[in-house]
Amino acid sequence: MPNTYTQIHIQFVFAVKFRTASIHSSWKDELYKYITGIIQHHKHKLIAINGMADHVHILVGMRPTQSIADLMQDVKASSSKWINQKQFAQGRFEWQEGYGAFSYGKSQLKDVIAYINNQEQHHKLKTFKEEYVDFLQKFEVDYDEKFIFKDLI
């Protein structure tokens, strides 16, 4: 799109189904590279990616050529299929339904990148659920507690 100039920075946060600790350290870097490839294939810029065994954070410089929903659909569907084909997880791997998407200005990126890169340290103090609810509250997103996560029954 000629003469279209944008600056759209989105942090995506999404979890493994039932928040199980299924992302093993032995293959998480391969997963992050695979997700990076999906994002780059759509001509977006991956700025940072990291997470824990039960969730992932991605900071993306988005182009306006694709919706947030379509990008997340592709990232989650393609990566879960890839994980299952590689047989990395015990049993069938699935991502939790839904995701968080939070926007940032350029002046905030340094702090967001540091936050994403320091997930291991951060989660010594907070659970993923506490972190996620904090995001929703900080960004003043209306939510219903019963729809945030599906627990294993």
N, C-alpha and C. Protein backbone atom coordinates (compact mmCIF):
# COMPACT_ATOMS: atom_id res chain seq x y z
N MET A 1 0.84 -1.18 0.00
CA MET A 1 0.00 0.00 0.00
C MET A 1 0.89 1.24 0.00
N PRO A 2 1.03 1.85 -1.14
CA PRO A 2 1.84 3.07 -1.19
C PRO A 2 1.22 4.17 -0.32
N ASN A 3 2.08 4.99 0.21
CA ASN A 3 1.66 6.12 1.04
C ASN A 3 0.91 5.73 2.30
N THR A 4 1.10 4.50 2.78
CA THR A 4 0.52 4.06 4.04
C THR A 4 1.66 3.86 5.02
N TYR A 5 1.61 4.60 6.10
CA TYR A 5 2.68 4.55 7.10
C TYR A 5 2.05 4.26 8.45
N THR A 6 2.56 3.24 9.10
CA THR A 6 1.98 2.85 10.39
C THR A 6 3.08 2.54 11.40
N GLN A 7 2.68 2.58 12.64
CA GLN A 7 3.55 2.14 13.74
C GLN A 7 2.63 1.46 14.75
N ILE A 8 2.52 0.14 14.62
CA ILE A 8 1.60 -0.64 15.43
C ILE A 8 2.40 -1.71 16.16
N HIS A 9 2.49 -1.59 17.47
CA HIS A 9 3.24 -2.56 18.28
C HIS A 9 2.26 -3.27 19.21
N ILE A 10 2.18 -4.59 19.06
CA ILE A 10 1.25 -5.39 19.84
C ILE A 10 2.01 -6.48 20.59
N GLN A 11 1.71 -6.60 21.89
CA GLN A 11 2.21 -7.75 22.65
C GLN A 11 1.08 -8.77 22.73
N PHE A 12 1.36 -9.96 22.26
CA PHE A 12 0.41 -11.06 22.34
C PHE A 12 0.81 -11.96 23.50
N VAL A 13 -0.19 -12.45 24.22
CA VAL A 13 0.03 -13.37 25.32
C VAL A 13 -0.98 -14.50 25.15
N PHE A 14 -0.49 -15.74 25.10
CA PHE A 14 -1.41 -16.86 25.00
C PHE A 14 -0.83 -18.07 25.73
N ALA A 15 -1.73 -18.95 26.15
CA ALA A 15 -1.35 -20.05 27.05
C ALA A 15 -1.59 -21.41 26.41
N VAL A 16 -0.88 -22.39 26.95
CA VAL A 16 -1.11 -23.79 26.62
C VAL A 16 -2.48 -24.17 27.21
N LYS A 17 -3.20 -25.03 26.52
CA LYS A 17 -4.52 -25.45 27.00
C LYS A 17 -4.42 -25.98 28.43
N PHE A 18 -5.33 -25.53 29.25
CA PHE A 18 -5.40 -25.85 30.68
C PHE A 18 -4.17 -25.37 31.44
N ARG A 19 -3.37 -24.51 30.79
CA ARG A 19 -2.15 -23.94 31.39
C ARG A 19 -1.19 -25.03 31.87
N THR A 20 -1.16 -26.15 31.15
CA THR A 20 -0.22 -27.20 31.51
C THR A 20 1.19 -26.78 31.09
N ALA A 21 2.18 -27.21 31.82
CA ALA A 21 3.57 -26.87 31.53
C ALA A 21 4.09 -27.79 30.44
N SER A 22 3.61 -27.60 29.22
CA SER A 22 3.90 -28.50 28.11
C SER A 22 5.05 -28.07 27.21
N ILE A 23 5.45 -26.80 27.29
CA ILE A 23 6.55 -26.32 26.44
C ILE A 23 7.85 -26.63 27.15
N HIS A 24 8.56 -27.62 26.65
CA HIS A 24 9.77 -28.08 27.30
C HIS A 24 10.97 -27.24 26.85
N SER A 25 11.88 -27.01 27.76
CA SER A 25 13.06 -26.19 27.45
C SER A 25 13.90 -26.78 26.32
N SER A 26 13.81 -28.09 26.10
CA SER A 26 14.62 -28.72 25.05
C SER A 26 14.16 -28.34 23.64
N TRP A 27 12.92 -27.87 23.49
CA TRP A 27 12.43 -27.51 22.15
C TRP A 27 11.78 -26.13 22.08
N LYS A 28 11.81 -25.38 23.17
CA LYS A 28 11.14 -24.07 23.14
C LYS A 28 11.81 -23.11 22.15
N ASP A 29 13.14 -23.15 22.02
CA ASP A 29 13.81 -22.26 21.06
C ASP A 29 13.39 -22.58 19.62
N GLU A 30 13.20 -23.86 19.31
CA GLU A 30 12.72 -24.24 17.98
C GLU A 30 11.30 -23.72 17.75
N LEU A 31 10.48 -23.81 18.80
CA LEU A 31 9.12 -23.28 18.72
C LEU A 31 9.15 -21.78 18.45
N TYR A 32 9.98 -21.06 19.17
CA TYR A 32 10.06 -19.61 18.99
C TYR A 32 10.54 -19.26 17.58
N LYS A 33 11.47 -20.03 17.04
CA LYS A 33 11.92 -19.80 15.66
C LYS A 33 10.79 -20.08 14.67
N TYR A 34 10.02 -21.11 14.94
CA TYR A 34 8.90 -21.46 14.06
C TYR A 34 7.86 -20.33 14.08
N ILE A 35 7.52 -19.86 15.26
CA ILE A 35 6.55 -18.76 15.39
C ILE A 35 7.10 -17.50 14.71
N THR A 36 8.38 -17.23 14.88
CA THR A 36 9.01 -16.09 14.22
C THR A 36 8.82 -16.19 12.70
N GLY A 37 9.02 -17.38 12.16
CA GLY A 37 8.84 -17.58 10.73
C GLY A 37 7.41 -17.30 10.27
N ILE A 38 6.43 -17.70 11.05
CA ILE A 38 5.03 -17.43 10.71
C ILE A 38 4.79 -15.92 10.65
N ILE A 39 5.28 -15.22 11.64
CA ILE A 39 5.09 -13.77 11.72
C ILE A 39 5.79 -13.07 10.56
N GLN A 40 7.01 -13.48 10.26
CA GLN A 40 7.76 -12.88 9.16
C GLN A 40 7.13 -13.22 7.80
N HIS A 41 6.57 -14.41 7.68
CA HIS A 41 5.89 -14.80 6.44
C HIS A 41 4.75 -13.82 6.11
N HIS A 42 4.11 -13.29 7.15
CA HIS A 42 3.03 -12.33 6.97
C HIS A 42 3.53 -10.89 6.90
N LYS A 43 4.85 -10.73 6.82
CA LYS A 43 5.51 -9.42 6.65
C LYS A 43 5.43 -8.53 7.89
N HIS A 44 5.19 -9.14 9.05
CA HIS A 44 5.25 -8.40 10.31
C HIS A 44 6.67 -8.52 10.85
N LYS A 45 6.99 -7.73 11.86
CA LYS A 45 8.33 -7.78 12.45
C LYS A 45 8.24 -8.33 13.87
N LEU A 46 8.89 -9.46 14.10
CA LEU A 46 8.96 -9.99 15.46
C LEU A 46 10.03 -9.20 16.21
N ILE A 47 9.65 -8.59 17.32
CA ILE A 47 10.57 -7.78 18.10
C ILE A 47 11.11 -8.56 19.29
N ALA A 48 10.24 -9.34 19.95
CA ALA A 48 10.67 -10.15 21.10
C ALA A 48 9.73 -11.34 21.24
N ILE A 49 10.29 -12.46 21.70
CA ILE A 49 9.48 -13.65 21.99
C ILE A 49 10.13 -14.38 23.15
N ASN A 50 9.30 -14.80 24.09
CA ASN A 50 9.77 -15.58 25.24
C ASN A 50 8.54 -16.04 26.00
N GLY A 51 8.76 -16.85 26.97
CA GLY A 51 7.64 -17.33 27.77
C GLY A 51 8.11 -18.32 28.81
N MET A 52 7.15 -19.09 29.24
CA MET A 52 7.39 -20.12 30.23
C MET A 52 6.83 -21.43 29.68
N ALA A 53 6.87 -22.47 30.45
CA ALA A 53 6.39 -23.77 29.99
C ALA A 53 4.89 -23.78 29.70
N ASP A 54 4.16 -22.79 30.24
CA ASP A 54 2.71 -22.78 30.06
C ASP A 54 2.17 -21.61 29.24
N HIS A 55 3.03 -20.70 28.78
CA HIS A 55 2.54 -19.57 27.99
C HIS A 55 3.66 -18.88 27.22
N VAL A 56 3.24 -18.04 26.26
CA VAL A 56 4.18 -17.34 25.39
C VAL A 56 3.80 -15.86 25.31
N HIS A 57 4.83 -15.01 25.25
CA HIS A 57 4.67 -13.57 25.00
C HIS A 57 5.37 -13.28 23.67
N ILE A 58 4.72 -12.50 22.82
CA ILE A 58 5.31 -12.10 21.54
C ILE A 58 5.06 -10.61 21.37
N LEU A 59 6.10 -9.86 21.05
CA LEU A 59 5.96 -8.45 20.72
C LEU A 59 6.19 -8.32 19.21
N VAL A 60 5.19 -7.77 18.52
CA VAL A 60 5.21 -7.72 17.07
C VAL A 60 5.00 -6.29 16.59
N GLY A 61 5.79 -5.91 15.59
CA GLY A 61 5.52 -4.69 14.83
C GLY A 61 4.61 -5.11 13.69
N MET A 62 3.33 -4.75 13.77
CA MET A 62 2.33 -5.24 12.80
C MET A 62 2.19 -4.31 11.60
N ARG A 63 2.00 -4.92 10.47
CA ARG A 63 1.62 -4.20 9.27
C ARG A 63 0.08 -4.24 9.21
N PRO A 64 -0.55 -3.23 8.61
CA PRO A 64 -2.02 -3.19 8.59
C PRO A 64 -2.65 -4.09 7.53
N THR A 65 -1.89 -5.01 6.99
CA THR A 65 -2.38 -5.88 5.92
C THR A 65 -3.10 -7.12 6.44
N GLN A 66 -3.06 -7.34 7.74
CA GLN A 66 -3.66 -8.53 8.32
C GLN A 66 -4.27 -8.16 9.66
N SER A 67 -5.37 -8.77 10.00
CA SER A 67 -5.97 -8.50 11.31
C SER A 67 -5.23 -9.24 12.42
N ILE A 68 -5.37 -8.73 13.60
CA ILE A 68 -4.79 -9.38 14.78
C ILE A 68 -5.36 -10.79 14.91
N ALA A 69 -6.66 -10.92 14.73
CA ALA A 69 -7.30 -12.23 14.87
C ALA A 69 -6.75 -13.25 13.86
N ASP A 70 -6.57 -12.81 12.61
CA ASP A 70 -6.05 -13.72 11.59
C ASP A 70 -4.61 -14.13 11.88
N LEU A 71 -3.80 -13.18 12.34
CA LEU A 71 -2.42 -13.52 12.68
C LEU A 71 -2.38 -14.53 13.83
N MET A 72 -3.15 -14.29 14.88
CA MET A 72 -3.13 -15.21 16.02
C MET A 72 -3.69 -16.57 15.65
N GLN A 73 -4.71 -16.60 14.80
CA GLN A 73 -5.25 -17.87 14.32
C GLN A 73 -4.15 -18.68 13.65
N ASP A 74 -3.38 -18.03 12.79
CA ASP A 74 -2.31 -18.72 12.06
C ASP A 74 -1.19 -19.15 13.00
N VAL A 75 -0.76 -18.25 13.88
CA VAL A 75 0.33 -18.58 14.81
C VAL A 75 -0.05 -19.78 15.67
N LYS A 76 -1.22 -19.75 16.26
CA LYS A 76 -1.61 -20.83 17.17
C LYS A 76 -1.90 -22.14 16.44
N ALA A 77 -2.64 -22.07 15.33
CA ALA A 77 -2.98 -23.30 14.60
C ALA A 77 -1.73 -23.94 13.99
N SER A 78 -0.91 -23.13 13.33
CA SER A 78 0.28 -23.68 12.67
C SER A 78 1.29 -24.21 13.67
N SER A 79 1.50 -23.47 14.77
CA SER A 79 2.50 -23.92 15.74
C SER A 79 2.05 -25.17 16.49
N SER A 80 0.76 -25.26 16.82
CA SER A 80 0.30 -26.48 17.51
C SER A 80 0.39 -27.69 16.58
N LYS A 81 0.05 -27.49 15.31
CA LYS A 81 0.18 -28.59 14.33
C LYS A 81 1.64 -29.02 14.22
N TRP A 82 2.54 -28.05 14.16
CA TRP A 82 3.97 -28.32 14.06
C TRP A 82 4.47 -29.09 15.29
N ILE A 83 4.07 -28.65 16.47
CA ILE A 83 4.47 -29.32 17.72
C ILE A 83 3.99 -30.77 17.70
N ASN A 84 2.76 -31.00 17.27
CA ASN A 84 2.21 -32.36 17.22
C ASN A 84 2.91 -33.21 16.17
N GLN A 85 3.23 -32.63 15.01
CA GLN A 85 3.94 -33.38 13.98
C GLN A 85 5.34 -33.79 14.46
N LYS A 86 5.99 -32.90 15.20
CA LYS A 86 7.32 -33.19 15.73
C LYS A 86 7.26 -34.11 16.95
N GLN A 87 6.07 -34.32 17.49
CA GLN A 87 5.84 -35.14 18.68
C GLN A 87 6.67 -34.66 19.87
N PHE A 88 6.74 -33.33 20.01
CA PHE A 88 7.48 -32.73 21.12
C PHE A 88 6.76 -32.92 22.45
N ALA A 89 5.46 -32.81 22.45
CA ALA A 89 4.68 -32.89 23.69
C ALA A 89 4.18 -34.31 23.91
N GLN A 90 4.03 -34.64 25.16
CA GLN A 90 3.42 -35.93 25.47
C GLN A 90 1.92 -35.77 25.25
N GLY A 91 1.36 -36.58 24.38
CA GLY A 91 -0.05 -36.44 24.05
C GLY A 91 -0.25 -35.31 23.05
N ARG A 92 -1.50 -34.95 22.86
CA ARG A 92 -1.85 -33.91 21.89
C ARG A 92 -1.63 -32.52 22.48
N PHE A 93 -0.88 -31.68 21.77
CA PHE A 93 -0.63 -30.31 22.21
C PHE A 93 -1.71 -29.40 21.65
N GLU A 94 -2.22 -28.51 22.51
CA GLU A 94 -3.18 -27.49 22.08
C GLU A 94 -2.93 -26.20 22.85
N TRP A 95 -3.20 -25.07 22.17
CA TRP A 95 -3.19 -23.78 22.84
C TRP A 95 -4.56 -23.53 23.44
N GLN A 96 -4.59 -22.79 24.54
CA GLN A 96 -5.84 -22.35 25.15
C GLN A 96 -6.60 -21.48 24.14
N GLU A 97 -7.91 -21.53 24.18
CA GLU A 97 -8.72 -20.63 23.35
C GLU A 97 -8.42 -19.19 23.73
N GLY A 98 -8.40 -18.31 22.77
CA GLY A 98 -8.23 -16.90 23.04
C GLY A 98 -6.79 -16.48 23.23
N TYR A 99 -6.61 -15.19 23.51
CA TYR A 99 -5.29 -14.59 23.69
C TYR A 99 -5.49 -13.18 24.20
N GLY A 100 -4.40 -12.59 24.66
CA GLY A 100 -4.40 -11.18 25.00
C GLY A 100 -3.60 -10.44 23.95
N ALA A 101 -4.05 -9.24 23.60
CA ALA A 101 -3.32 -8.40 22.65
C ALA A 101 -3.31 -6.99 23.21
N PHE A 102 -2.11 -6.47 23.49
CA PHE A 102 -1.96 -5.19 24.17
C PHE A 102 -1.06 -4.29 23.33
N SER A 103 -1.49 -3.06 23.11
CA SER A 103 -0.75 -2.15 22.23
C SER A 103 0.17 -1.23 23.03
N TYR A 104 1.28 -0.85 22.37
CA TYR A 104 2.29 0.00 22.99
C TYR A 104 2.79 1.04 22.01
N GLY A 105 3.22 2.17 22.56
CA GLY A 105 3.89 3.18 21.76
C GLY A 105 5.37 2.88 21.68
N LYS A 106 6.04 3.49 20.72
CA LYS A 106 7.46 3.23 20.50
C LYS A 106 8.30 3.51 21.75
N SER A 107 7.95 4.53 22.52
CA SER A 107 8.72 4.87 23.72
C SER A 107 8.63 3.80 24.80
N GLN A 108 7.66 2.91 24.71
CA GLN A 108 7.48 1.85 25.71
C GLN A 108 8.18 0.54 25.34
N LEU A 109 8.66 0.43 24.11
CA LEU A 109 9.17 -0.85 23.62
C LEU A 109 10.34 -1.40 24.43
N LYS A 110 11.26 -0.54 24.83
CA LYS A 110 12.42 -1.00 25.58
C LYS A 110 11.99 -1.75 26.85
N ASP A 111 11.02 -1.20 27.57
CA ASP A 111 10.53 -1.84 28.79
C ASP A 111 9.78 -3.13 28.50
N VAL A 112 9.00 -3.15 27.43
CA VAL A 112 8.24 -4.35 27.07
C VAL A 112 9.20 -5.47 26.66
N ILE A 113 10.21 -5.13 25.88
CA ILE A 113 11.21 -6.13 25.48
C ILE A 113 11.91 -6.71 26.71
N ALA A 114 12.30 -5.85 27.63
CA ALA A 114 12.95 -6.32 28.86
C ALA A 114 12.01 -7.23 29.65
N TYR A 115 10.75 -6.84 29.72
CA TYR A 115 9.76 -7.65 30.44
C TYR A 115 9.63 -9.04 29.81
N ILE A 116 9.52 -9.08 28.50
CA ILE A 116 9.38 -10.36 27.81
C ILE A 116 10.66 -11.20 27.97
N ASN A 117 11.81 -10.58 27.84
CA ASN A 117 13.07 -11.32 27.96
C ASN A 117 13.33 -11.84 29.36
N ASN A 118 12.70 -11.25 30.37
CA ASN A 118 12.93 -11.65 31.76
C ASN A 118 11.76 -12.44 32.35
N GLN A 119 11.12 -13.23 31.54
CA GLN A 119 9.97 -14.00 32.01
C GLN A 119 10.31 -14.93 33.19
N GLU A 120 11.44 -15.59 33.10
CA GLU A 120 11.79 -16.54 34.16
C GLU A 120 11.89 -15.83 35.52
N GLN A 121 12.53 -14.69 35.54
CA GLN A 121 12.65 -13.91 36.78
C GLN A 121 11.29 -13.43 37.25
N HIS A 122 10.51 -12.92 36.32
CA HIS A 122 9.20 -12.37 36.65
C HIS A 122 8.29 -13.42 37.28
N HIS A 123 8.35 -14.63 36.76
CA HIS A 123 7.44 -15.67 37.24
C HIS A 123 7.91 -16.35 38.52
N LYS A 124 8.99 -15.89 39.07
CA LYS A 124 9.35 -16.30 40.42
C LYS A 124 8.47 -15.57 41.43
N LEU A 125 7.87 -14.45 40.97
CA LEU A 125 7.06 -13.61 41.85
C LEU A 125 5.56 -13.73 41.59
N LYS A 126 5.18 -14.05 40.36
CA LYS A 126 3.77 -14.09 39.97
C LYS A 126 3.46 -15.31 39.13
N THR A 127 2.25 -15.84 39.31
CA THR A 127 1.79 -16.91 38.43
C THR A 127 1.38 -16.30 37.10
N PHE A 128 1.22 -17.14 36.10
CA PHE A 128 0.76 -16.65 34.81
C PHE A 128 -0.62 -16.01 34.94
N LYS A 129 -1.51 -16.64 35.68
CA LYS A 129 -2.86 -16.09 35.82
C LYS A 129 -2.81 -14.71 36.48
N GLU A 130 -2.00 -14.54 37.50
CA GLU A 130 -1.86 -13.22 38.14
C GLU A 130 -1.32 -12.20 37.14
N GLU A 131 -0.34 -12.61 36.36
CA GLU A 131 0.25 -11.73 35.35
C GLU A 131 -0.80 -11.31 34.32
N TYR A 132 -1.57 -12.27 33.85
CA TYR A 132 -2.57 -12.01 32.81
C TYR A 132 -3.66 -11.07 33.32
N VAL A 133 -4.15 -11.32 34.51
CA VAL A 133 -5.17 -10.44 35.10
C VAL A 133 -4.59 -9.04 35.30
N ASP A 134 -3.33 -8.94 35.70
CA ASP A 134 -2.68 -7.63 35.83
C ASP A 134 -2.68 -6.88 34.49
N PHE A 135 -2.39 -7.59 33.40
CA PHE A 135 -2.43 -6.96 32.08
C PHE A 135 -3.83 -6.43 31.78
N LEU A 136 -4.83 -7.27 32.01
CA LEU A 136 -6.20 -6.87 31.72
C LEU A 136 -6.60 -5.64 32.53
N GLN A 137 -6.20 -5.62 33.79
CA GLN A 137 -6.53 -4.48 34.64
C GLN A 137 -5.74 -3.23 34.24
N LYS A 138 -4.45 -3.39 33.98
CA LYS A 138 -3.61 -2.26 33.59
C LYS A 138 -4.13 -1.60 32.31
N PHE A 139 -4.58 -2.42 31.36
CA PHE A 139 -5.06 -1.90 30.08
C PHE A 139 -6.57 -1.62 30.10
N GLU A 140 -7.17 -1.75 31.28
CA GLU A 140 -8.59 -1.47 31.49
C GLU A 140 -9.48 -2.24 30.51
N VAL A 141 -9.18 -3.52 30.38
CA VAL A 141 -9.96 -4.41 29.52
C VAL A 141 -11.04 -5.05 30.38
N ASP A 142 -12.29 -4.89 29.96
CA ASP A 142 -13.39 -5.56 30.66
C ASP A 142 -13.26 -7.06 30.42
N TYR A 143 -13.41 -7.84 31.48
CA TYR A 143 -13.30 -9.29 31.34
C TYR A 143 -14.18 -9.96 32.37
N ASP A 144 -14.50 -11.19 32.10
CA ASP A 144 -15.25 -12.04 33.02
C ASP A 144 -14.30 -13.14 33.46
N GLU A 145 -14.06 -13.23 34.73
CA GLU A 145 -13.11 -14.19 35.30
C GLU A 145 -13.34 -15.62 34.79
N LYS A 146 -14.59 -16.00 34.60
CA LYS A 146 -14.88 -17.38 34.19
C LYS A 146 -14.45 -17.68 32.76
N PHE A 147 -14.17 -16.63 31.96
CA PHE A 147 -13.77 -16.85 30.57
C PHE A 147 -12.27 -16.67 30.34
N ILE A 148 -11.50 -16.36 31.39
CA ILE A 148 -10.07 -16.15 31.20
C ILE A 148 -9.36 -17.46 30.88
N PHE A 149 -9.64 -18.50 31.64
CA PHE A 149 -8.97 -19.78 31.44
C PHE A 149 -9.95 -20.92 31.62
N LYS A 150 -9.68 -21.98 30.90
CA LYS A 150 -10.42 -23.22 31.12
C LYS A 150 -9.52 -24.11 31.96
N ASP A 151 -10.04 -24.57 33.06
CA ASP A 151 -9.27 -25.46 33.93
C ASP A 151 -9.52 -26.91 33.54
N LEU A 152 -8.56 -27.72 33.79
CA LEU A 152 -8.67 -29.15 33.57
C LEU A 152 -9.73 -29.69 34.52
N ILE A 153 -10.69 -30.39 33.98
CA ILE A 153 -11.80 -30.90 34.80
C ILE A 153 -11.46 -32.26 35.33
